[in-house]
Amino acid sequence: MMNHRLIVTSALATALGLGLAGQAGAQEKGKEKCYGVAKAGQNDCGNISGTHTCAGQSKDGMSVNDWKYVAKGSCKGMKGLSEAEAKVATADKK
C-alpha cells in the first residue's frame, strides 16, 4: 500500500513539474497568454472559471474564459485580453 501511494505521489509531482516547466519555457521564448483568441478545442490550458483544466478542452471559440500562447506583444492586435482583463470580463458575465 505504501509503495502504491509513493508511486502515485511521484507520478503526480512529475506531471505537475513538467506542466510548470512547459509554461515557463513558453514565457521564456517571448510568449504571453492571450484570452479570447483561441478557437474551440485549441486553448493551451485550463480556463479562468475552472470548468476545464487542460489544453484542447474549450467548447466555445474566442471565449474570454480561455487562452492560448501568442507572440509577446501581439495579443492586443488580435483583439485579445490580458489575464486581468479577462477576469474582469468573466466577472461581469456572472
Protein backbone atom coordinates (compact mmCIF):
# COMPACT_ATOMS: atom_id res chain seq x y z
CA MET A 1 0.00 0.00 0.00
CA MET A 2 2.83 2.38 0.90
CA ASN A 3 4.67 1.71 -2.39
CA HIS A 4 1.49 2.38 -4.38
CA ARG A 5 0.99 5.73 -2.63
CA LEU A 6 4.63 6.67 -3.23
CA ILE A 7 4.39 5.79 -6.91
CA VAL A 8 1.18 7.77 -7.37
CA THR A 9 2.59 10.77 -5.48
CA SER A 10 5.80 10.68 -7.51
CA ALA A 11 3.92 10.45 -10.79
CA LEU A 12 1.71 13.40 -9.84
CA ALA A 13 4.71 15.50 -8.81
CA THR A 14 6.46 14.71 -12.09
CA ALA A 15 3.39 15.60 -14.15
CA LEU A 16 2.95 18.89 -12.32
CA GLY A 17 6.62 19.69 -12.68
CA LEU A 18 6.57 19.06 -16.40
CA GLY A 19 3.48 21.24 -16.81
CA LEU A 20 5.11 24.13 -14.98
CA ALA A 21 8.32 23.69 -16.95
CA GLY A 22 6.36 23.86 -20.20
CA GLN A 23 4.68 27.10 -19.17
CA ALA A 24 7.96 28.65 -18.07
CA GLY A 25 9.53 27.60 -21.37
CA ALA A 26 6.81 29.32 -23.38
CA GLN A 27 7.21 32.52 -21.39
CA GLU A 28 10.97 32.44 -21.80
CA LYS A 29 10.56 32.20 -25.58
CA GLY A 30 8.78 35.55 -25.80
CA LYS A 31 5.21 34.31 -25.49
CA GLU A 32 2.28 35.62 -23.47
CA LYS A 33 -1.16 34.32 -22.52
CA CYS A 34 -3.87 35.87 -24.67
CA TYR A 35 -7.52 35.41 -23.70
CA GLY A 36 -10.37 35.40 -26.18
CA VAL A 37 -8.40 34.34 -29.26
CA ALA A 38 -8.42 30.53 -29.03
CA LYS A 39 -10.68 28.60 -31.38
CA ALA A 40 -12.81 25.84 -29.83
CA GLY A 41 -10.55 22.96 -28.83
CA GLN A 42 -7.36 24.97 -29.39
CA ASN A 43 -6.81 26.53 -25.95
CA ASP A 44 -3.43 25.99 -24.31
CA CYS A 45 -4.52 25.11 -20.76
CA GLY A 46 -7.29 25.45 -18.16
CA ASN A 47 -9.70 28.37 -18.18
CA ILE A 48 -10.48 31.14 -15.72
CA SER A 49 -13.74 29.66 -14.46
CA GLY A 50 -12.18 26.24 -13.81
CA THR A 51 -14.69 24.31 -15.92
CA HIS A 52 -11.76 22.51 -17.55
CA THR A 53 -8.09 22.18 -16.69
CA CYS A 54 -6.34 21.03 -19.84
CA ALA A 55 -5.36 22.12 -23.31
CA GLY A 56 -7.80 21.44 -26.11
CA GLN A 57 -10.89 21.31 -23.91
CA SER A 58 -12.51 24.65 -24.74
CA LYS A 59 -16.00 24.27 -26.13
CA ASP A 60 -16.52 27.83 -27.41
CA GLY A 61 -14.31 29.65 -29.86
CA MET A 62 -12.93 33.06 -28.95
CA SER A 63 -14.17 32.84 -25.35
CA VAL A 64 -12.58 35.34 -22.93
CA ASN A 65 -12.59 32.43 -20.48
CA ASP A 66 -9.92 30.54 -22.49
CA TRP A 67 -6.40 31.45 -23.57
CA LYS A 68 -3.53 30.42 -25.77
CA TYR A 69 0.10 31.48 -26.02
CA VAL A 70 0.86 34.10 -28.66
CA ALA A 71 3.98 36.06 -29.52
CA LYS A 72 4.67 38.66 -26.83
CA GLY A 73 3.13 42.00 -27.79
CA SER A 74 0.72 40.55 -30.38
CA CYS A 75 -2.32 39.89 -28.16
CA LYS A 76 -3.84 43.37 -28.40
CA GLY A 77 -3.51 43.35 -32.18
CA MET A 78 -5.52 40.11 -32.21
CA LYS A 79 -8.20 41.83 -30.10
CA GLY A 80 -7.31 39.57 -27.18
CA LEU A 81 -7.23 40.31 -23.48
CA SER A 82 -4.66 40.03 -20.72
CA GLU A 83 -5.45 37.72 -17.81
CA ALA A 84 -6.52 40.67 -15.63
CA GLU A 85 -8.83 41.99 -18.36
CA ALA A 86 -10.31 38.53 -18.95
CA LYS A 87 -11.02 38.09 -15.23
CA VAL A 88 -12.93 41.39 -15.21
CA ALA A 89 -14.82 40.40 -18.38
CA THR A 90 -15.80 36.99 -17.00
CA ALA A 91 -16.82 38.50 -13.63
CA ASP A 92 -19.13 40.93 -15.46
CA LYS A 93 -20.97 37.99 -17.07
CA LYS A 94 -21.87 36.35 -13.73
